[in-house]
Every structure is written in structure tokens, then in C-alpha cells.
N, C-alpha and C. Protein backbone atom coordinates (compact mmCIF):
# COMPACT_ATOMS: atom_id res chain seq x y z
N MET A 1 75.11 109.66 5.42
CA MET A 1 73.76 108.94 4.80
C MET A 1 74.16 108.47 3.80
N ALA A 2 74.70 109.19 3.12
CA ALA A 2 75.13 108.79 2.01
C ALA A 2 76.22 107.47 1.48
N GLU A 3 76.65 107.54 2.63
CA GLU A 3 77.92 106.53 2.88
C GLU A 3 77.26 105.82 3.31
N LEU A 4 76.54 105.14 4.10
CA LEU A 4 75.05 104.25 4.50
C LEU A 4 74.97 104.07 3.05
N ASN A 5 74.11 104.50 2.37
CA ASN A 5 73.42 104.26 1.08
C ASN A 5 74.13 103.43 0.55
N LEU A 6 75.52 104.37 -0.26
CA LEU A 6 76.67 103.69 -0.88
C LEU A 6 77.21 101.88 -0.52
N GLN A 7 77.13 101.87 0.63
CA GLN A 7 77.29 100.04 1.25
C GLN A 7 76.30 99.39 1.00
N ARG A 8 75.34 100.09 1.52
CA ARG A 8 73.88 99.31 1.13
C ARG A 8 73.88 98.99 -0.75
N ARG A 9 74.33 99.98 -1.42
CA ARG A 9 74.08 99.43 -2.99
C ARG A 9 75.37 98.42 -3.12
N ILE A 10 76.39 98.94 -2.28
CA ILE A 10 77.07 97.46 -2.53
C ILE A 10 77.16 96.19 -2.11
N LEU A 11 76.63 96.19 -1.11
CA LEU A 11 76.33 94.81 -0.65
C LEU A 11 74.85 94.29 -1.01
N ASN A 12 73.73 95.74 -1.77
CA ASN A 12 72.61 94.69 -2.82
C ASN A 12 73.67 93.73 -3.97
N ASP A 13 74.66 94.79 -4.27
CA ASP A 13 75.12 94.34 -5.39
C ASP A 13 75.90 93.03 -5.45
N ASP A 14 76.64 92.68 -3.92
CA ASP A 14 76.53 91.40 -4.09
C ASP A 14 75.86 90.43 -3.84
N ILE A 15 74.86 91.08 -3.36
CA ILE A 15 73.88 90.02 -3.05
C ILE A 15 73.39 89.47 -4.25
N SER A 16 73.18 90.29 -5.32
CA SER A 16 72.75 89.87 -6.41
C SER A 16 73.51 88.84 -7.16
N LYS A 17 75.18 89.47 -7.02
CA LYS A 17 75.82 88.46 -8.06
C LYS A 17 76.33 87.45 -7.34
N GLU A 18 76.39 86.96 -5.62
CA GLU A 18 76.12 85.73 -5.17
C GLU A 18 74.63 84.70 -5.58
N GLU A 19 72.96 85.54 -5.77
CA GLU A 19 72.08 84.98 -6.14
C GLU A 19 72.50 84.20 -7.71
N GLU A 20 72.98 85.06 -8.03
CA GLU A 20 73.14 85.00 -9.94
C GLU A 20 73.82 83.61 -9.97
N ILE A 21 75.41 83.89 -9.00
CA ILE A 21 75.93 82.16 -9.30
C ILE A 21 75.87 81.16 -8.54
N LEU A 22 74.65 81.30 -7.28
CA LEU A 22 74.12 80.31 -6.80
C LEU A 22 73.05 79.72 -8.15
N ARG A 23 72.11 80.48 -8.72
CA ARG A 23 71.40 80.08 -9.31
C ARG A 23 72.15 79.33 -11.00
N ARG A 24 72.74 79.62 -11.23
CA ARG A 24 73.75 78.85 -12.04
C ARG A 24 73.89 77.60 -11.71
N LEU A 25 75.10 77.63 -10.52
CA LEU A 25 75.43 76.29 -10.07
C LEU A 25 74.29 75.73 -10.10
N ARG A 26 73.21 75.95 -8.88
CA ARG A 26 71.97 74.70 -9.06
C ARG A 26 71.53 74.44 -10.62
N ASP A 27 71.82 75.66 -11.07
CA ASP A 27 71.35 75.20 -12.90
C ASP A 27 72.56 73.92 -13.53
N HIS A 28 73.18 73.97 -13.02
CA HIS A 28 74.49 73.52 -13.46
C HIS A 28 73.62 71.73 -12.49
N PHE A 29 74.10 71.59 -11.47
CA PHE A 29 74.01 70.52 -11.11
C PHE A 29 72.26 69.75 -10.93
N ASP A 30 71.33 70.53 -11.39
CA ASP A 30 70.30 69.59 -11.27
C ASP A 30 70.24 69.05 -13.04
N LEU A 31 71.39 69.96 -13.83
CA LEU A 31 71.70 68.89 -14.91
C LEU A 31 72.40 67.83 -14.40
N ILE A 32 73.20 67.62 -13.86
CA ILE A 32 73.94 66.54 -13.48
C ILE A 32 73.21 65.95 -12.71
N ASP A 33 72.40 66.11 -11.89
CA ASP A 33 71.67 64.40 -11.13
C ASP A 33 70.36 64.55 -12.58
N ALA A 34 69.85 65.09 -13.14
CA ALA A 34 68.96 64.83 -14.12
C ALA A 34 70.10 63.21 -14.87
N GLU A 35 70.97 63.91 -15.62
CA GLU A 35 72.41 63.04 -16.00
C GLU A 35 72.38 61.64 -15.34
N ASN A 36 72.58 61.57 -14.16
CA ASN A 36 72.84 60.62 -13.40
C ASN A 36 71.92 60.03 -13.32
N SER A 37 70.59 60.30 -12.90
CA SER A 37 69.24 59.62 -12.90
C SER A 37 69.33 59.04 -14.21
N ARG A 38 69.51 59.44 -15.59
CA ARG A 38 69.08 59.09 -16.59
C ARG A 38 69.88 57.55 -16.82
N ILE A 39 71.92 58.09 -16.51
CA ILE A 39 72.80 56.84 -16.47
C ILE A 39 72.01 55.73 -15.26
N GLU A 40 71.84 55.88 -14.24
CA GLU A 40 71.15 55.13 -13.17
C GLU A 40 70.50 53.63 -13.74
N ALA A 41 69.09 54.81 -14.91
CA ALA A 41 68.07 54.02 -15.60
C ALA A 41 69.10 53.37 -16.01
N GLU A 42 69.62 53.63 -17.24
CA GLU A 42 70.81 53.13 -18.50
C GLU A 42 71.18 51.56 -17.71
N ASN A 43 71.71 52.08 -16.64
CA ASN A 43 72.26 50.08 -16.17
C ASN A 43 71.49 49.34 -15.44
N ILE A 44 70.25 50.21 -15.16
CA ILE A 44 69.23 48.98 -14.36
C ILE A 44 68.83 48.33 -15.80
N VAL A 45 67.70 49.09 -17.12
CA VAL A 45 67.58 48.84 -17.80
C VAL A 45 68.84 46.87 -18.39
N ASP A 46 69.97 47.69 -18.39
CA ASP A 46 71.17 46.95 -18.60
C ASP A 46 71.25 46.00 -17.94
N GLU A 47 70.75 45.79 -16.78
CA GLU A 47 71.50 44.66 -15.73
C GLU A 47 69.80 43.74 -16.17
N ALA A 48 68.89 44.37 -16.12
CA ALA A 48 68.16 43.18 -16.31
C ALA A 48 68.37 42.68 -17.71
N ARG A 49 68.59 43.15 -19.22
CA ARG A 49 69.36 42.81 -20.18
C ARG A 49 69.77 41.23 -19.87
N ARG A 50 71.30 41.83 -19.38
CA ARG A 50 71.93 40.63 -18.85
C ARG A 50 71.61 39.86 -18.02
N SER A 51 70.87 40.37 -17.39
CA SER A 51 70.04 38.37 -16.14
C SER A 51 68.84 37.93 -17.12
N ARG A 52 67.99 38.26 -18.27
CA ARG A 52 67.35 37.58 -19.36
C ARG A 52 68.33 36.91 -20.17
N LEU A 53 69.36 38.08 -20.78
CA LEU A 53 70.21 36.40 -21.01
C LEU A 53 70.74 35.15 -20.77
N ARG A 54 70.91 35.72 -19.40
CA ARG A 54 72.22 34.76 -18.36
C ARG A 54 71.01 33.89 -18.51
N ALA A 55 69.66 34.16 -17.91
CA ALA A 55 68.60 33.49 -18.28
C ALA A 55 68.18 32.38 -19.17
N GLU A 56 68.49 33.12 -20.13
CA GLU A 56 68.17 32.10 -21.14
C GLU A 56 69.11 31.20 -22.16
N GLY A 57 70.49 31.63 -21.55
CA GLY A 57 71.90 31.00 -22.11
C GLY A 57 71.78 29.67 -20.35
N ASN A 58 71.51 30.14 -19.18
CA ASN A 58 71.30 28.94 -18.37
C ASN A 58 69.74 27.56 -18.96
N ARG A 59 68.89 28.57 -19.43
CA ARG A 59 67.42 27.65 -20.14
C ARG A 59 68.49 26.49 -21.26
N LEU A 60 69.21 27.27 -21.59
CA LEU A 60 69.83 26.33 -23.32
C LEU A 60 70.70 25.76 -23.01
N ASP A 61 71.16 25.47 -21.87
CA ASP A 61 72.71 24.94 -21.19
C ASP A 61 71.63 23.87 -20.90
N ASP A 62 70.73 24.06 -20.00
CA ASP A 62 70.14 22.59 -19.25
C ASP A 62 69.54 22.07 -20.48
N ALA A 63 69.03 22.58 -21.38
CA ALA A 63 67.29 21.91 -22.98
C ALA A 63 69.30 20.82 -23.75
N ALA A 64 70.14 21.40 -23.49
CA ALA A 64 71.58 20.91 -24.23
C ALA A 64 71.63 19.66 -23.25
N SER A 65 72.01 19.85 -22.19
CA SER A 65 72.98 18.60 -21.11
C SER A 65 71.68 17.61 -21.16
N THR A 66 70.30 18.09 -21.41
CA THR A 66 68.98 16.94 -21.53
C THR A 66 69.15 16.47 -22.39
N VAL A 67 69.36 16.63 -23.67
CA VAL A 67 69.77 15.97 -24.90
C VAL A 67 70.85 15.20 -25.03
N GLN A 68 72.19 15.93 -24.16
CA GLN A 68 73.41 14.50 -24.43
C GLN A 68 73.27 13.84 -23.65
N CYS A 69 72.35 13.89 -22.29
CA CYS A 69 72.06 12.56 -21.43
C CYS A 69 71.43 11.56 -22.24
N TYR A 70 70.29 12.32 -23.15
CA TYR A 70 69.37 11.61 -23.34
C TYR A 70 70.60 10.70 -24.82
N TRP A 71 70.66 11.41 -25.60
CA TRP A 71 71.58 10.37 -26.67
C TRP A 71 72.63 9.54 -26.00
N LYS A 72 73.15 10.08 -25.15
CA LYS A 72 73.91 8.82 -24.44
C LYS A 72 73.62 7.46 -23.88
N GLY A 73 71.99 8.12 -23.08
CA GLY A 73 71.83 6.86 -22.42
C GLY A 73 71.26 6.25 -23.91
N ILE A 74 71.16 6.63 -25.21
CA ILE A 74 71.02 5.73 -26.07
C ILE A 74 71.77 4.86 -27.02
N LEU A 75 72.92 5.50 -26.85
CA LEU A 75 74.15 4.91 -27.67
C LEU A 75 74.49 3.45 -26.01
N GLN A 76 74.96 4.11 -24.94
CA GLN A 76 75.36 3.16 -23.99
C GLN A 76 74.24 1.50 -24.48
N ARG A 77 72.58 2.20 -23.95
CA ARG A 77 71.70 0.41 -24.17
C ARG A 77 72.05 0.30 -25.47
N GLU A 78 72.45 0.78 -26.68
CA GLU A 78 73.17 0.09 -27.78
C GLU A 78 74.09 -0.65 -27.86
N ASP A 79 75.21 -0.17 -27.16
CA ASP A 79 76.13 -1.10 -26.82
C ASP A 79 76.09 -2.26 -25.87
N TYR A 80 74.97 -1.57 -24.48
CA TYR A 80 74.72 -3.07 -23.67
C TYR A 80 74.15 -4.45 -24.53
N HIS A 81 73.29 -3.86 -25.38
CA HIS A 81 72.13 -5.47 -26.18
C HIS A 81 73.48 -5.69 -27.20
N LYS A 82 74.26 -5.21 -28.18
CA LYS A 82 75.60 -5.63 -28.93
C LYS A 82 76.32 -6.91 -28.05
N LEU A 83 76.73 -6.24 -26.53
CA LEU A 83 77.36 -6.86 -25.76
C LEU A 83 76.87 -8.30 -25.39
N ARG A 84 75.73 -8.18 -24.97
CA ARG A 84 74.79 -8.93 -24.57
C ARG A 84 74.56 -9.89 -25.84
N LYS A 85 74.29 -9.60 -26.79
CA LYS A 85 73.93 -10.29 -27.77
C LYS A 85 75.34 -11.08 -27.98
N ALA A 86 75.94 -10.48 -28.21
CA ALA A 86 78.18 -10.89 -28.04
C ALA A 86 78.10 -11.71 -27.20
N MET A 87 77.70 -12.10 -26.12
CA MET A 87 77.72 -12.69 -24.92
C MET A 87 77.07 -14.25 -24.93
N LYS A 88 75.98 -13.87 -25.63
CA LYS A 88 74.88 -15.09 -25.62
C LYS A 88 75.04 -16.27 -27.07
N LYS A 89 75.45 -15.41 -28.31
CA LYS A 89 76.65 -16.14 -29.32
C LYS A 89 77.89 -16.83 -28.70
N LYS A 90 78.71 -16.49 -27.81
CA LYS A 90 79.70 -17.34 -27.33
C LYS A 90 79.40 -17.81 -26.94
N GLY A 91 78.68 -18.09 -25.67
CA GLY A 91 78.08 -19.04 -25.26
C GLY A 91 78.01 -20.14 -25.66
N LYS A 92 77.10 -20.25 -26.76
CA LYS A 92 75.99 -21.09 -27.64
C LYS A 92 77.46 -21.78 -28.26
N LYS A 93 78.87 -21.51 -28.38
CA LYS A 93 79.50 -21.63 -29.73
C LYS A 93 79.86 -23.47 -28.85
N GLY A 94 79.94 -23.57 -27.46
CA GLY A 94 80.97 -24.60 -27.04
C GLY A 94 79.80 -25.54 -27.20
N GLY A 95 78.92 -25.89 -26.87
CA GLY A 95 78.30 -27.13 -27.02
C GLY A 95 79.16 -28.60 -26.20
N LYS A 96 77.80 -29.55 -25.99
CA LYS A 96 78.83 -30.62 -25.34
C LYS A 96 79.75 -31.28 -25.83
N LYS A 97 80.38 -31.75 -25.34
CA LYS A 97 82.23 -32.84 -25.92
C LYS A 97 81.64 -33.87 -26.26
N LYS A 98 81.91 -34.92 -26.86
CA LYS A 98 81.67 -36.23 -26.39
C LYS A 98 82.86 -37.08 -26.41
């Protein structure tokens, strides 16, 4: 009977040691899971920030393109009017020859 009690105590000691190891591992992996969740949340925030900056950059690019097109149109119309005036003056110089 004493031998059985000794085996039971040894087994109980082994079980308590394994439970302690299990508790430590669970605590460790809980910390790792919390860290991974925090990193994932940071990545989501960073992606949202990058998306917002990309959208802002696209908006500025579109605005710059609009201004450039508008300005180029103004310059083209000015050049066209100069060309038209030059053509009208050139045509009047000849006149009738007698």
C-alpha cells in the first residue's frame, strides 16, 4: 500500500509540474496573441493612413492636371489669335495692282 501511495504522490507531483508548465505556456501564448493583435491593429491603421494619403495625392494630381490643361488652353487660344491676326495682315498687304 505504501508503494501505491508513493506512486500516487510521484504522479501528483508530475501532474502539478505539468500544470505549472501548461500555465506558463498559456500565459506566454496569451501575451504573444495580444502582441499579434496589437500589430495587426497597427497595420490596419497604417493601411488606412496610406490609403488616405494616396487618395489625397490623387486628388492633388487631378487638380494639377486640370490647372495645366486650363492654362495650356489659354496659351493655345492666344497663339491662335496671334496667328489669325498675322494671317489677316498678310492678306491685306497685297491689294490690287494696276
